[in-house]
N, C-alpha and C. Protein backbone atom coordinates (compact mmCIF):
# COMPACT_ATOMS: atom_id res chain seq x y z
N MET A 1 2.57 38.26 -69.64
CA MET A 1 1.82 37.16 -70.25
C MET A 1 2.77 36.10 -70.79
N ARG A 2 3.87 36.54 -71.31
CA ARG A 2 4.85 35.60 -71.84
C ARG A 2 5.46 34.76 -70.73
N VAL A 3 5.74 35.39 -69.60
CA VAL A 3 6.35 34.65 -68.48
C VAL A 3 5.39 33.64 -67.94
N LEU A 4 4.09 34.01 -67.80
CA LEU A 4 3.08 33.09 -67.28
C LEU A 4 2.94 31.89 -68.20
N THR A 5 2.92 32.14 -69.49
CA THR A 5 2.81 31.03 -70.44
C THR A 5 4.03 30.13 -70.38
N PHE A 6 5.15 30.74 -70.25
CA PHE A 6 6.39 29.97 -70.17
C PHE A 6 6.39 29.06 -68.97
N CYS A 7 5.96 29.59 -67.77
CA CYS A 7 5.96 28.77 -66.54
C CYS A 7 4.97 27.64 -66.66
N THR A 8 3.79 27.97 -67.26
CA THR A 8 2.77 26.92 -67.38
C THR A 8 3.25 25.82 -68.30
N VAL A 9 3.85 26.20 -69.42
CA VAL A 9 4.33 25.19 -70.37
C VAL A 9 5.53 24.47 -69.80
N LEU A 10 6.33 25.17 -69.02
CA LEU A 10 7.54 24.56 -68.46
C LEU A 10 7.19 23.44 -67.50
N LEU A 11 6.13 23.61 -66.70
CA LEU A 11 5.78 22.60 -65.70
C LEU A 11 5.09 21.40 -66.32
N TYR A 12 4.50 21.62 -67.51
CA TYR A 12 3.72 20.55 -68.10
C TYR A 12 4.52 19.30 -68.40
N PRO A 13 5.67 19.39 -69.09
CA PRO A 13 6.38 18.15 -69.42
C PRO A 13 6.88 17.42 -68.21
N PHE A 14 7.21 18.14 -67.12
CA PHE A 14 7.73 17.45 -65.94
C PHE A 14 6.65 16.71 -65.21
N SER A 15 5.39 17.18 -65.36
CA SER A 15 4.31 16.49 -64.68
C SER A 15 3.78 15.33 -65.46
N THR A 16 4.00 15.32 -66.77
CA THR A 16 3.45 14.24 -67.60
C THR A 16 4.50 13.30 -68.11
N ALA A 17 5.76 13.72 -68.22
CA ALA A 17 6.79 12.85 -68.78
C ALA A 17 8.04 12.93 -67.96
N THR A 18 7.91 12.54 -66.73
CA THR A 18 9.07 12.63 -65.83
C THR A 18 10.11 11.59 -66.16
N SER A 19 9.73 10.54 -66.89
CA SER A 19 10.71 9.50 -67.19
C SER A 19 11.41 9.71 -68.52
N ALA A 20 11.05 10.79 -69.31
CA ALA A 20 11.70 11.01 -70.62
C ALA A 20 13.11 11.52 -70.43
N THR A 21 13.95 11.13 -71.37
CA THR A 21 15.34 11.58 -71.33
C THR A 21 15.61 12.66 -72.37
N ASP A 22 14.83 12.72 -73.49
CA ASP A 22 14.99 13.75 -74.55
C ASP A 22 13.78 14.68 -74.52
N VAL A 23 14.00 15.94 -74.28
CA VAL A 23 12.95 16.95 -74.22
C VAL A 23 13.25 18.01 -75.28
N TYR A 24 12.20 18.40 -75.98
CA TYR A 24 12.36 19.40 -77.04
C TYR A 24 11.89 20.75 -76.53
N LYS A 25 12.74 21.75 -76.75
CA LYS A 25 12.39 23.13 -76.42
C LYS A 25 11.98 23.83 -77.71
N CYS A 26 10.71 24.30 -77.72
CA CYS A 26 10.18 24.91 -78.93
C CYS A 26 9.88 26.38 -78.67
N THR A 27 10.36 27.24 -79.54
CA THR A 27 10.12 28.67 -79.45
C THR A 27 9.40 29.11 -80.70
N ASP A 28 8.14 29.66 -80.57
CA ASP A 28 7.39 30.06 -81.75
C ASP A 28 7.77 31.48 -82.16
N ALA A 29 7.04 32.03 -83.19
CA ALA A 29 7.38 33.35 -83.73
C ALA A 29 7.13 34.46 -82.73
N GLN A 30 6.19 34.23 -81.81
CA GLN A 30 5.90 35.26 -80.79
C GLN A 30 6.86 35.19 -79.61
N GLY A 31 7.75 34.24 -79.59
CA GLY A 31 8.71 34.11 -78.49
C GLY A 31 8.24 33.23 -77.36
N ASN A 32 7.11 32.59 -77.53
CA ASN A 32 6.64 31.67 -76.48
C ASN A 32 7.47 30.39 -76.51
N VAL A 33 7.82 29.91 -75.33
CA VAL A 33 8.67 28.73 -75.19
C VAL A 33 7.84 27.60 -74.62
N ALA A 34 8.01 26.44 -75.23
CA ALA A 34 7.31 25.26 -74.74
C ALA A 34 8.27 24.09 -74.73
N PHE A 35 8.11 23.22 -73.70
CA PHE A 35 8.90 21.99 -73.61
C PHE A 35 7.98 20.82 -73.84
N GLN A 36 8.42 19.89 -74.71
CA GLN A 36 7.58 18.74 -75.00
C GLN A 36 8.47 17.58 -75.38
N ASP A 37 7.83 16.35 -75.32
CA ASP A 37 8.61 15.15 -75.63
C ASP A 37 8.49 14.77 -77.12
N GLN A 38 7.80 15.60 -77.93
CA GLN A 38 7.69 15.38 -79.37
C GLN A 38 8.43 16.52 -80.11
N PRO A 39 8.87 16.28 -81.34
CA PRO A 39 9.54 17.36 -82.09
C PRO A 39 8.63 18.57 -82.25
N CYS A 40 9.26 19.73 -82.34
CA CYS A 40 8.52 20.99 -82.44
C CYS A 40 7.76 21.06 -83.78
N PRO A 41 6.63 21.77 -83.81
CA PRO A 41 5.89 21.93 -85.08
C PRO A 41 6.67 22.83 -86.05
N ALA A 42 6.21 22.83 -87.27
CA ALA A 42 6.89 23.64 -88.28
C ALA A 42 6.75 25.13 -87.95
N GLY A 43 7.76 25.89 -88.19
CA GLY A 43 7.76 27.31 -87.92
C GLY A 43 8.29 27.65 -86.54
N ALA A 44 8.55 26.65 -85.68
CA ALA A 44 9.07 26.91 -84.33
C ALA A 44 10.55 26.55 -84.30
N VAL A 45 11.27 27.32 -83.52
CA VAL A 45 12.69 27.05 -83.33
C VAL A 45 12.81 25.92 -82.31
N GLN A 46 13.49 24.86 -82.72
CA GLN A 46 13.57 23.67 -81.87
C GLN A 46 14.97 23.53 -81.29
N ALA A 47 15.02 23.17 -80.04
CA ALA A 47 16.28 22.85 -79.36
C ALA A 47 16.03 21.60 -78.51
N GLN A 48 16.93 20.68 -78.57
CA GLN A 48 16.78 19.42 -77.82
C GLN A 48 17.57 19.52 -76.51
N VAL A 49 16.86 19.18 -75.42
CA VAL A 49 17.45 19.25 -74.08
C VAL A 49 17.44 17.84 -73.50
N TRP A 50 18.54 17.46 -72.91
CA TRP A 50 18.63 16.12 -72.29
C TRP A 50 18.45 16.23 -70.79
N LEU A 51 17.56 15.42 -70.25
CA LEU A 51 17.31 15.38 -68.80
C LEU A 51 17.56 13.97 -68.29
N PRO A 52 18.16 13.86 -67.08
CA PRO A 52 18.38 12.50 -66.52
C PRO A 52 17.06 11.87 -66.10
N ASP A 53 17.04 10.55 -66.11
CA ASP A 53 15.84 9.84 -65.66
C ASP A 53 15.57 10.14 -64.20
N ALA A 54 14.30 10.23 -63.85
CA ALA A 54 13.92 10.48 -62.45
C ALA A 54 14.28 9.27 -61.60
N GLN A 55 14.86 9.52 -60.44
CA GLN A 55 15.23 8.44 -59.53
C GLN A 55 13.98 7.91 -58.83
N PRO A 56 13.89 6.62 -58.74
CA PRO A 56 12.70 6.07 -58.05
C PRO A 56 12.70 6.47 -56.58
N ALA A 57 11.52 6.70 -56.07
CA ALA A 57 11.39 7.07 -54.65
C ALA A 57 11.81 5.90 -53.78
N PRO A 58 12.52 6.19 -52.71
CA PRO A 58 12.94 5.09 -51.82
C PRO A 58 11.74 4.38 -51.22
N ALA A 59 11.85 3.10 -51.13
CA ALA A 59 10.75 2.31 -50.58
C ALA A 59 10.60 2.61 -49.10
N GLN A 60 9.36 2.82 -48.68
CA GLN A 60 9.08 3.08 -47.27
C GLN A 60 9.14 1.77 -46.49
N PRO A 61 9.80 1.78 -45.35
CA PRO A 61 9.86 0.54 -44.56
C PRO A 61 8.47 0.13 -44.09
N VAL A 62 8.20 -1.13 -44.19
CA VAL A 62 6.91 -1.66 -43.77
C VAL A 62 6.96 -1.94 -42.28
N ALA A 63 6.03 -1.33 -41.59
CA ALA A 63 6.00 -1.53 -40.13
C ALA A 63 5.62 -2.97 -39.83
N ALA A 64 6.37 -3.54 -38.92
CA ALA A 64 6.09 -4.93 -38.54
C ALA A 64 4.78 -4.99 -37.76
N THR A 65 3.98 -5.97 -38.12
CA THR A 65 2.71 -6.15 -37.42
C THR A 65 2.97 -6.79 -36.06
N PRO A 66 2.55 -6.12 -34.98
CA PRO A 66 2.82 -6.70 -33.66
C PRO A 66 2.05 -7.99 -33.45
N SER A 67 2.69 -8.90 -32.77
CA SER A 67 2.04 -10.16 -32.45
C SER A 67 0.95 -9.92 -31.41
N PRO A 68 0.01 -10.85 -31.29
CA PRO A 68 -1.04 -10.67 -30.28
C PRO A 68 -0.49 -10.45 -28.88
N ALA A 69 0.63 -11.12 -28.55
CA ALA A 69 1.20 -10.94 -27.22
C ALA A 69 1.75 -9.54 -27.03
N GLU A 70 2.35 -8.97 -28.15
CA GLU A 70 2.87 -7.62 -28.05
C GLU A 70 1.76 -6.59 -28.06
N ALA A 71 0.69 -6.87 -28.83
CA ALA A 71 -0.42 -5.92 -28.88
C ALA A 71 -1.17 -5.86 -27.56
N ASN A 72 -1.30 -6.98 -26.89
CA ASN A 72 -1.99 -7.04 -25.60
C ASN A 72 -1.06 -7.65 -24.57
N PRO A 73 -0.11 -6.86 -24.06
CA PRO A 73 0.83 -7.43 -23.08
C PRO A 73 0.09 -7.78 -21.79
N PRO A 74 0.56 -8.79 -21.09
CA PRO A 74 -0.10 -9.17 -19.83
C PRO A 74 0.05 -8.06 -18.80
N PRO A 75 -0.90 -7.93 -17.90
CA PRO A 75 -0.81 -6.87 -16.88
C PRO A 75 0.40 -7.07 -15.99
N ALA A 76 0.97 -5.96 -15.57
CA ALA A 76 2.14 -6.03 -14.71
C ALA A 76 1.74 -6.60 -13.35
N PRO A 77 2.59 -7.44 -12.78
CA PRO A 77 2.24 -8.02 -11.47
C PRO A 77 2.14 -6.93 -10.41
N ALA A 78 1.25 -7.15 -9.47
CA ALA A 78 1.06 -6.18 -8.39
C ALA A 78 2.32 -6.14 -7.53
N PRO A 79 2.71 -4.96 -7.09
CA PRO A 79 3.91 -4.89 -6.24
C PRO A 79 3.71 -5.64 -4.93
N ALA A 80 4.74 -6.31 -4.53
CA ALA A 80 4.66 -7.06 -3.29
C ALA A 80 4.55 -6.11 -2.11
N PRO A 81 3.74 -6.48 -1.10
CA PRO A 81 3.62 -5.59 0.06
C PRO A 81 4.95 -5.43 0.78
N VAL A 82 5.21 -4.23 1.17
CA VAL A 82 6.47 -3.93 1.85
C VAL A 82 6.30 -4.19 3.33
N ALA A 83 7.10 -5.10 3.84
CA ALA A 83 7.02 -5.41 5.27
C ALA A 83 7.61 -4.27 6.09
N ARG A 84 7.01 -4.06 7.22
CA ARG A 84 7.52 -3.02 8.11
C ARG A 84 8.86 -3.46 8.70
N PRO A 85 9.78 -2.54 8.88
CA PRO A 85 11.07 -2.92 9.46
C PRO A 85 10.89 -3.45 10.87
N SER A 86 11.73 -4.40 11.21
CA SER A 86 11.65 -5.00 12.54
C SER A 86 12.18 -4.04 13.59
N ALA A 87 11.49 -4.02 14.71
CA ALA A 87 11.91 -3.20 15.85
C ALA A 87 12.41 -4.13 16.94
N PRO A 88 13.27 -3.66 17.81
CA PRO A 88 13.74 -4.51 18.92
C PRO A 88 12.57 -4.95 19.80
N LEU A 89 12.68 -6.14 20.33
CA LEU A 89 11.63 -6.62 21.23
C LEU A 89 11.56 -5.74 22.47
N PRO A 90 10.37 -5.37 22.90
CA PRO A 90 10.27 -4.53 24.10
C PRO A 90 10.53 -5.35 25.35
N PRO A 91 10.99 -4.73 26.41
CA PRO A 91 11.15 -5.46 27.68
C PRO A 91 9.79 -5.78 28.28
N VAL A 92 9.57 -7.05 28.57
CA VAL A 92 8.30 -7.52 29.14
C VAL A 92 8.60 -8.39 30.34
N TRP A 93 7.78 -8.25 31.38
CA TRP A 93 7.94 -9.04 32.60
C TRP A 93 6.69 -9.86 32.84
N ILE A 94 6.86 -11.00 33.48
CA ILE A 94 5.75 -11.80 33.97
C ILE A 94 5.69 -11.62 35.47
N CYS A 95 4.56 -11.11 35.94
CA CYS A 95 4.41 -10.81 37.36
C CYS A 95 3.39 -11.77 37.98
N GLN A 96 3.60 -12.08 39.25
CA GLN A 96 2.72 -12.98 39.99
C GLN A 96 2.04 -12.21 41.11
N LYS A 97 0.70 -12.28 41.14
CA LYS A 97 -0.04 -11.59 42.18
C LYS A 97 0.22 -12.26 43.53
N ALA A 98 0.46 -11.43 44.52
CA ALA A 98 0.80 -11.96 45.85
C ALA A 98 -0.39 -12.60 46.52
N GLU A 99 -1.63 -12.15 46.21
CA GLU A 99 -2.78 -12.66 46.95
C GLU A 99 -3.28 -14.00 46.46
N ASP A 100 -3.13 -14.32 45.14
CA ASP A 100 -3.69 -15.58 44.65
C ASP A 100 -2.73 -16.36 43.76
N GLY A 101 -1.57 -15.82 43.45
CA GLY A 101 -0.58 -16.55 42.65
C GLY A 101 -0.81 -16.50 41.15
N SER A 102 -1.86 -15.80 40.67
CA SER A 102 -2.09 -15.69 39.24
C SER A 102 -1.03 -14.78 38.61
N THR A 103 -0.80 -14.96 37.33
CA THR A 103 0.26 -14.22 36.65
C THR A 103 -0.34 -13.29 35.60
N TYR A 104 0.43 -12.28 35.24
CA TYR A 104 0.05 -11.34 34.20
C TYR A 104 1.33 -10.74 33.61
N PHE A 105 1.21 -10.22 32.38
CA PHE A 105 2.34 -9.59 31.72
C PHE A 105 2.35 -8.09 32.04
N SER A 106 3.54 -7.56 32.11
CA SER A 106 3.69 -6.14 32.42
C SER A 106 4.89 -5.60 31.68
N ARG A 107 4.79 -4.34 31.23
CA ARG A 107 5.93 -3.66 30.64
C ARG A 107 6.77 -2.96 31.68
N ASN A 108 6.34 -3.06 32.92
CA ASN A 108 7.08 -2.46 34.02
C ASN A 108 7.43 -3.56 35.00
N GLY A 109 8.69 -3.78 35.20
CA GLY A 109 9.11 -4.86 36.09
C GLY A 109 9.00 -4.53 37.56
N ALA A 110 8.51 -3.35 37.89
CA ALA A 110 8.38 -2.95 39.31
C ALA A 110 6.99 -2.37 39.52
N PRO A 111 5.95 -3.21 39.59
CA PRO A 111 4.60 -2.69 39.81
C PRO A 111 4.50 -2.02 41.17
N PRO A 112 3.61 -1.04 41.31
CA PRO A 112 3.51 -0.33 42.59
C PRO A 112 2.94 -1.23 43.69
N VAL A 113 3.21 -0.85 44.92
CA VAL A 113 2.67 -1.57 46.08
C VAL A 113 1.16 -1.37 46.13
N ARG A 114 0.45 -2.46 46.38
CA ARG A 114 -1.00 -2.40 46.48
C ARG A 114 -1.41 -2.74 47.91
N TYR A 115 -2.52 -2.17 48.33
CA TYR A 115 -3.07 -2.44 49.65
C TYR A 115 -4.37 -3.21 49.48
N VAL A 116 -4.43 -4.41 50.10
CA VAL A 116 -5.60 -5.27 50.00
C VAL A 116 -6.06 -5.64 51.41
N PRO A 117 -7.35 -5.94 51.57
CA PRO A 117 -7.82 -6.38 52.89
C PRO A 117 -7.20 -7.72 53.27
N LEU A 118 -6.99 -7.89 54.55
CA LEU A 118 -6.45 -9.17 55.02
C LEU A 118 -7.38 -10.32 54.71
N GLY A 119 -8.68 -10.04 54.60
CA GLY A 119 -9.63 -11.10 54.28
C GLY A 119 -9.38 -11.69 52.90
N VAL A 120 -8.82 -10.89 51.96
CA VAL A 120 -8.50 -11.41 50.64
C VAL A 120 -7.41 -12.47 50.74
N LEU A 121 -6.56 -12.35 51.72
CA LEU A 121 -5.47 -13.31 51.89
C LEU A 121 -5.90 -14.53 52.71
N GLY A 122 -7.18 -14.57 53.09
CA GLY A 122 -7.67 -15.73 53.83
C GLY A 122 -7.63 -15.58 55.34
N TYR A 123 -7.32 -14.41 55.80
CA TYR A 123 -7.27 -14.21 57.25
C TYR A 123 -8.58 -13.56 57.69
N PRO A 124 -9.28 -14.05 58.69
CA PRO A 124 -8.89 -15.10 59.65
C PRO A 124 -9.31 -16.49 59.24
N GLY A 125 -9.45 -16.77 57.94
CA GLY A 125 -9.73 -18.14 57.52
C GLY A 125 -11.16 -18.38 57.14
N HIS A 126 -11.99 -17.34 56.95
CA HIS A 126 -13.37 -17.51 56.53
C HIS A 126 -13.47 -17.39 55.01
N SER A 127 -14.25 -18.27 54.43
CA SER A 127 -14.51 -18.17 52.99
C SER A 127 -15.58 -17.12 52.75
N LEU A 128 -15.80 -16.78 51.48
CA LEU A 128 -16.85 -15.82 51.16
C LEU A 128 -18.22 -16.35 51.53
N ALA A 129 -18.43 -17.66 51.32
CA ALA A 129 -19.72 -18.25 51.68
C ALA A 129 -19.96 -18.14 53.17
N GLN A 130 -18.90 -18.35 53.96
CA GLN A 130 -19.05 -18.21 55.39
C GLN A 130 -19.30 -16.77 55.80
N ALA A 131 -18.66 -15.86 55.07
CA ALA A 131 -18.85 -14.45 55.40
C ALA A 131 -20.25 -13.99 55.08
N TYR A 132 -20.86 -14.53 53.99
CA TYR A 132 -22.20 -14.11 53.59
C TYR A 132 -23.29 -14.96 54.23
N GLY A 133 -22.94 -16.00 54.92
CA GLY A 133 -23.95 -16.81 55.58
C GLY A 133 -24.08 -18.18 54.96
N PRO A 134 -24.73 -19.11 55.65
CA PRO A 134 -24.89 -20.47 55.15
C PRO A 134 -25.75 -20.50 53.90
N GLY A 135 -25.46 -21.47 53.03
CA GLY A 135 -26.23 -21.64 51.80
C GLY A 135 -25.68 -20.87 50.62
N GLY A 136 -24.78 -19.93 50.87
CA GLY A 136 -24.17 -19.20 49.77
C GLY A 136 -25.12 -18.28 49.04
N ILE A 137 -26.25 -17.91 49.67
CA ILE A 137 -27.21 -17.06 48.98
C ILE A 137 -26.60 -15.69 48.71
N GLY A 138 -25.85 -15.21 49.65
CA GLY A 138 -25.27 -13.89 49.48
C GLY A 138 -24.22 -13.84 48.40
N VAL A 139 -23.58 -14.98 48.13
CA VAL A 139 -22.53 -15.00 47.12
C VAL A 139 -23.14 -14.84 45.73
N SER A 140 -24.20 -15.56 45.44
CA SER A 140 -24.79 -15.53 44.11
C SER A 140 -25.76 -14.38 43.93
N ALA A 141 -26.42 -13.97 45.00
CA ALA A 141 -27.41 -12.90 44.91
C ALA A 141 -27.39 -12.07 46.18
N PRO A 142 -26.39 -11.26 46.39
CA PRO A 142 -26.29 -10.52 47.65
C PRO A 142 -27.41 -9.51 47.83
N GLU A 143 -28.10 -9.13 46.73
CA GLU A 143 -29.15 -8.14 46.87
C GLU A 143 -30.40 -8.71 47.52
N LEU A 144 -30.52 -10.06 47.64
CA LEU A 144 -31.72 -10.67 48.20
C LEU A 144 -31.77 -10.60 49.72
N ARG A 145 -30.65 -10.37 50.32
CA ARG A 145 -30.63 -10.32 51.78
C ARG A 145 -29.51 -9.40 52.23
N GLN A 146 -29.64 -8.87 53.35
CA GLN A 146 -28.63 -7.97 53.89
C GLN A 146 -27.40 -8.76 54.33
N VAL A 147 -26.26 -8.21 53.99
CA VAL A 147 -25.02 -8.88 54.35
C VAL A 147 -24.82 -8.78 55.85
N PRO A 148 -24.59 -9.92 56.50
CA PRO A 148 -24.39 -9.86 57.97
C PRO A 148 -23.07 -9.18 58.30
N ILE A 149 -23.10 -8.41 59.32
CA ILE A 149 -21.91 -7.69 59.77
C ILE A 149 -21.47 -8.27 61.11
N SER A 150 -20.24 -8.72 61.13
CA SER A 150 -19.70 -9.29 62.37
C SER A 150 -19.05 -8.20 63.19
N THR A 151 -19.33 -8.22 64.48
CA THR A 151 -18.71 -7.25 65.40
C THR A 151 -17.59 -7.87 66.21
N SER A 152 -17.20 -9.09 65.83
CA SER A 152 -16.14 -9.78 66.56
C SER A 152 -14.80 -9.11 66.31
N PRO A 153 -14.00 -8.87 67.34
CA PRO A 153 -12.66 -8.30 67.13
C PRO A 153 -11.80 -9.19 66.24
N HIS A 154 -12.04 -10.49 66.36
CA HIS A 154 -11.26 -11.42 65.55
C HIS A 154 -11.54 -11.21 64.06
N ASP A 155 -12.84 -11.06 63.71
CA ASP A 155 -13.20 -10.85 62.30
C ASP A 155 -12.88 -9.44 61.82
N ALA A 156 -12.82 -8.52 62.74
CA ALA A 156 -12.53 -7.14 62.36
C ALA A 156 -11.13 -7.00 61.77
N ILE A 157 -10.27 -7.90 62.17
CA ILE A 157 -8.90 -7.84 61.65
C ILE A 157 -8.89 -8.04 60.13
N ALA A 158 -9.85 -8.85 59.63
CA ALA A 158 -9.89 -9.15 58.20
C ALA A 158 -10.17 -7.91 57.36
N SER A 159 -10.78 -6.92 57.94
CA SER A 159 -11.07 -5.70 57.17
C SER A 159 -9.89 -4.76 57.13
N GLY A 160 -8.85 -5.07 57.85
CA GLY A 160 -7.65 -4.25 57.80
C GLY A 160 -6.88 -4.47 56.50
N TYR A 161 -6.15 -3.48 56.05
CA TYR A 161 -5.40 -3.54 54.80
C TYR A 161 -3.92 -3.82 55.06
N THR A 162 -3.35 -4.54 54.14
CA THR A 162 -1.92 -4.83 54.22
C THR A 162 -1.27 -4.57 52.86
N PRO A 163 -0.04 -4.09 52.84
CA PRO A 163 0.62 -3.82 51.55
C PRO A 163 1.09 -5.12 50.89
N LEU A 164 0.95 -5.16 49.58
CA LEU A 164 1.40 -6.31 48.80
C LEU A 164 2.28 -5.81 47.65
N GLN A 165 3.30 -6.56 47.37
CA GLN A 165 4.20 -6.27 46.25
C GLN A 165 4.29 -7.50 45.37
N ASP A 166 3.82 -7.39 44.10
CA ASP A 166 3.88 -8.53 43.19
C ASP A 166 5.33 -8.80 42.80
N HIS A 167 5.62 -10.08 42.64
CA HIS A 167 6.97 -10.49 42.23
C HIS A 167 7.00 -10.64 40.71
N CYS A 168 7.99 -10.03 40.04
CA CYS A 168 8.09 -10.05 38.58
C CYS A 168 9.45 -10.60 38.15
N MET A 169 9.46 -11.26 37.02
CA MET A 169 10.69 -11.75 36.41
C MET A 169 10.63 -11.49 34.90
N ARG A 170 11.80 -11.29 34.30
CA ARG A 170 11.87 -10.95 32.88
C ARG A 170 11.35 -12.10 32.04
N ALA A 171 10.49 -11.80 31.09
CA ALA A 171 9.93 -12.83 30.21
C ALA A 171 10.98 -13.27 29.19
N SER A 172 10.90 -14.53 28.78
CA SER A 172 11.82 -15.04 27.75
C SER A 172 11.41 -14.49 26.39
N ARG A 173 12.26 -14.75 25.40
CA ARG A 173 11.96 -14.29 24.04
C ARG A 173 10.66 -14.93 23.53
N GLU A 174 10.49 -16.22 23.75
CA GLU A 174 9.29 -16.89 23.29
C GLU A 174 8.05 -16.35 24.00
N GLN A 175 8.15 -16.10 25.30
CA GLN A 175 7.01 -15.55 26.02
C GLN A 175 6.68 -14.13 25.56
N THR A 176 7.72 -13.35 25.27
CA THR A 176 7.49 -11.98 24.78
C THR A 176 6.81 -12.00 23.43
N CYS A 177 7.26 -12.88 22.52
CA CYS A 177 6.65 -12.96 21.19
C CYS A 177 5.20 -13.43 21.28
N SER A 178 4.92 -14.38 22.17
CA SER A 178 3.54 -14.84 22.34
C SER A 178 2.66 -13.71 22.86
N TRP A 179 3.17 -12.92 23.79
CA TRP A 179 2.40 -11.79 24.32
C TRP A 179 2.18 -10.72 23.25
N LEU A 180 3.21 -10.43 22.43
CA LEU A 180 3.07 -9.46 21.35
C LEU A 180 2.02 -9.90 20.34
N GLN A 181 1.99 -11.19 20.00
CA GLN A 181 1.01 -11.69 19.05
C GLN A 181 -0.40 -11.51 19.57
N LYS A 182 -0.59 -11.81 20.86
CA LYS A 182 -1.93 -11.65 21.45
C LYS A 182 -2.34 -10.18 21.46
N GLN A 183 -1.40 -9.30 21.83
CA GLN A 183 -1.72 -7.88 21.83
C GLN A 183 -2.05 -7.39 20.42
N TYR A 184 -1.30 -7.85 19.42
CA TYR A 184 -1.55 -7.44 18.04
C TYR A 184 -2.92 -7.92 17.56
N ASP A 185 -3.27 -9.16 17.89
CA ASP A 185 -4.58 -9.70 17.50
C ASP A 185 -5.71 -8.90 18.14
N ASP A 186 -5.54 -8.54 19.41
CA ASP A 186 -6.59 -7.78 20.11
C ASP A 186 -6.77 -6.40 19.48
N VAL A 187 -5.66 -5.73 19.16
CA VAL A 187 -5.75 -4.37 18.62
C VAL A 187 -6.34 -4.39 17.21
N THR A 188 -5.90 -5.34 16.37
CA THR A 188 -6.43 -5.39 14.99
C THR A 188 -7.91 -5.76 14.98
N HIS A 189 -8.34 -6.58 15.95
CA HIS A 189 -9.77 -6.90 16.04
C HIS A 189 -10.57 -5.65 16.39
N LYS A 190 -10.08 -4.86 17.31
CA LYS A 190 -10.75 -3.60 17.65
C LYS A 190 -10.71 -2.63 16.48
N LEU A 191 -9.60 -2.66 15.73
CA LEU A 191 -9.43 -1.73 14.62
C LEU A 191 -10.46 -1.99 13.52
N ARG A 192 -10.78 -3.25 13.28
CA ARG A 192 -11.74 -3.58 12.21
C ARG A 192 -13.15 -3.08 12.54
N ASN A 193 -13.45 -2.94 13.81
CA ASN A 193 -14.79 -2.52 14.22
C ASN A 193 -14.81 -1.10 14.80
N ALA A 194 -13.72 -0.36 14.63
CA ALA A 194 -13.62 0.95 15.26
C ALA A 194 -14.15 2.04 14.34
N PHE A 195 -14.59 3.12 14.95
CA PHE A 195 -14.97 4.32 14.21
C PHE A 195 -13.71 5.09 13.82
N LYS A 196 -13.94 6.13 13.02
CA LYS A 196 -12.80 6.87 12.47
C LYS A 196 -11.94 7.49 13.57
N ASP A 197 -12.56 8.08 14.60
CA ASP A 197 -11.76 8.70 15.65
C ASP A 197 -11.00 7.67 16.46
N GLN A 198 -11.60 6.46 16.62
CA GLN A 198 -10.90 5.41 17.35
C GLN A 198 -9.75 4.81 16.53
N ARG A 199 -9.95 4.76 15.20
CA ARG A 199 -8.90 4.22 14.34
C ARG A 199 -7.64 5.07 14.41
N ALA A 200 -7.81 6.38 14.60
CA ALA A 200 -6.64 7.26 14.71
C ALA A 200 -5.80 6.92 15.92
N ILE A 201 -6.40 6.32 16.93
CA ILE A 201 -5.66 5.92 18.15
C ILE A 201 -5.13 4.50 18.02
N LEU A 202 -5.95 3.61 17.46
CA LEU A 202 -5.57 2.20 17.40
C LEU A 202 -4.56 1.89 16.31
N GLN A 203 -4.60 2.62 15.18
CA GLN A 203 -3.69 2.30 14.07
C GLN A 203 -2.23 2.44 14.46
N PRO A 204 -1.81 3.53 15.14
CA PRO A 204 -0.39 3.60 15.55
C PRO A 204 0.00 2.46 16.49
N GLN A 205 -0.94 2.02 17.35
CA GLN A 205 -0.63 0.90 18.24
C GLN A 205 -0.43 -0.38 17.44
N ALA A 206 -1.30 -0.60 16.44
CA ALA A 206 -1.15 -1.80 15.60
C ALA A 206 0.15 -1.76 14.82
N ASP A 207 0.54 -0.60 14.31
CA ASP A 207 1.79 -0.48 13.55
C ASP A 207 3.00 -0.78 14.45
N GLU A 208 2.97 -0.26 15.67
CA GLU A 208 4.09 -0.50 16.58
C GLU A 208 4.19 -1.97 16.96
N LEU A 209 3.04 -2.60 17.25
CA LEU A 209 3.06 -4.01 17.61
C LEU A 209 3.50 -4.88 16.44
N GLU A 210 3.08 -4.53 15.22
CA GLU A 210 3.50 -5.30 14.05
C GLU A 210 5.01 -5.20 13.85
N SER A 211 5.55 -4.01 14.03
CA SER A 211 6.99 -3.82 13.88
C SER A 211 7.75 -4.63 14.93
N GLN A 212 7.27 -4.63 16.16
CA GLN A 212 7.94 -5.40 17.21
C GLN A 212 7.75 -6.90 16.99
N ARG A 213 6.57 -7.29 16.50
CA ARG A 213 6.33 -8.70 16.25
C ARG A 213 7.22 -9.23 15.14
N ASN A 214 7.57 -8.40 14.17
CA ASN A 214 8.47 -8.82 13.08
C ASN A 214 9.85 -9.16 13.60
N GLY A 215 10.21 -8.64 14.76
CA GLY A 215 11.50 -8.98 15.37
C GLY A 215 11.56 -10.36 15.94
N CYS A 216 10.40 -11.03 16.00
CA CYS A 216 10.39 -12.41 16.52
C CYS A 216 10.87 -13.35 15.43
């Protein structure tokens, strides 16, 4: 009981008079000890104790208030699209059809030999209108009348086949780039309207053409 009283009395002056420098220790007849900032009452043994002044608590740093720009920073810019690496231009040839002189692009500079009827080359000199009869009815609507069949040996030669070999020459850089652009436009147009299974085929083609086109 004496120890409990002592602890209770001991804590009291520190909680109420932390700034006092002179503290009185009072011991009564029963041996109870009390600390107080006033002189001890009569009949108590008094002892004066000196305590240093309590140090003020360090000031807490005041957090700086962020400015509106810092509180709401602008959104980060979207990353720039990464261009596909350029691929070497593919070898492309411009070929000329032997029967009519029209041209086409080819990735193979040696197209296979083709066999066409001699009549396609104009031999023996009859036009399609002449072959189908006067008036050209057979040309525009061959289903309206039966196509006449000539039994002449001279005309029979026209139904014979002859081999043809198209002549090809290497395309220039400008011609190759123009062809690549057209191929890329055609594939991307199909890609926009393609189903999922078709996109799996067309997308690699578009990627390859874009990479080659970047080399232009």
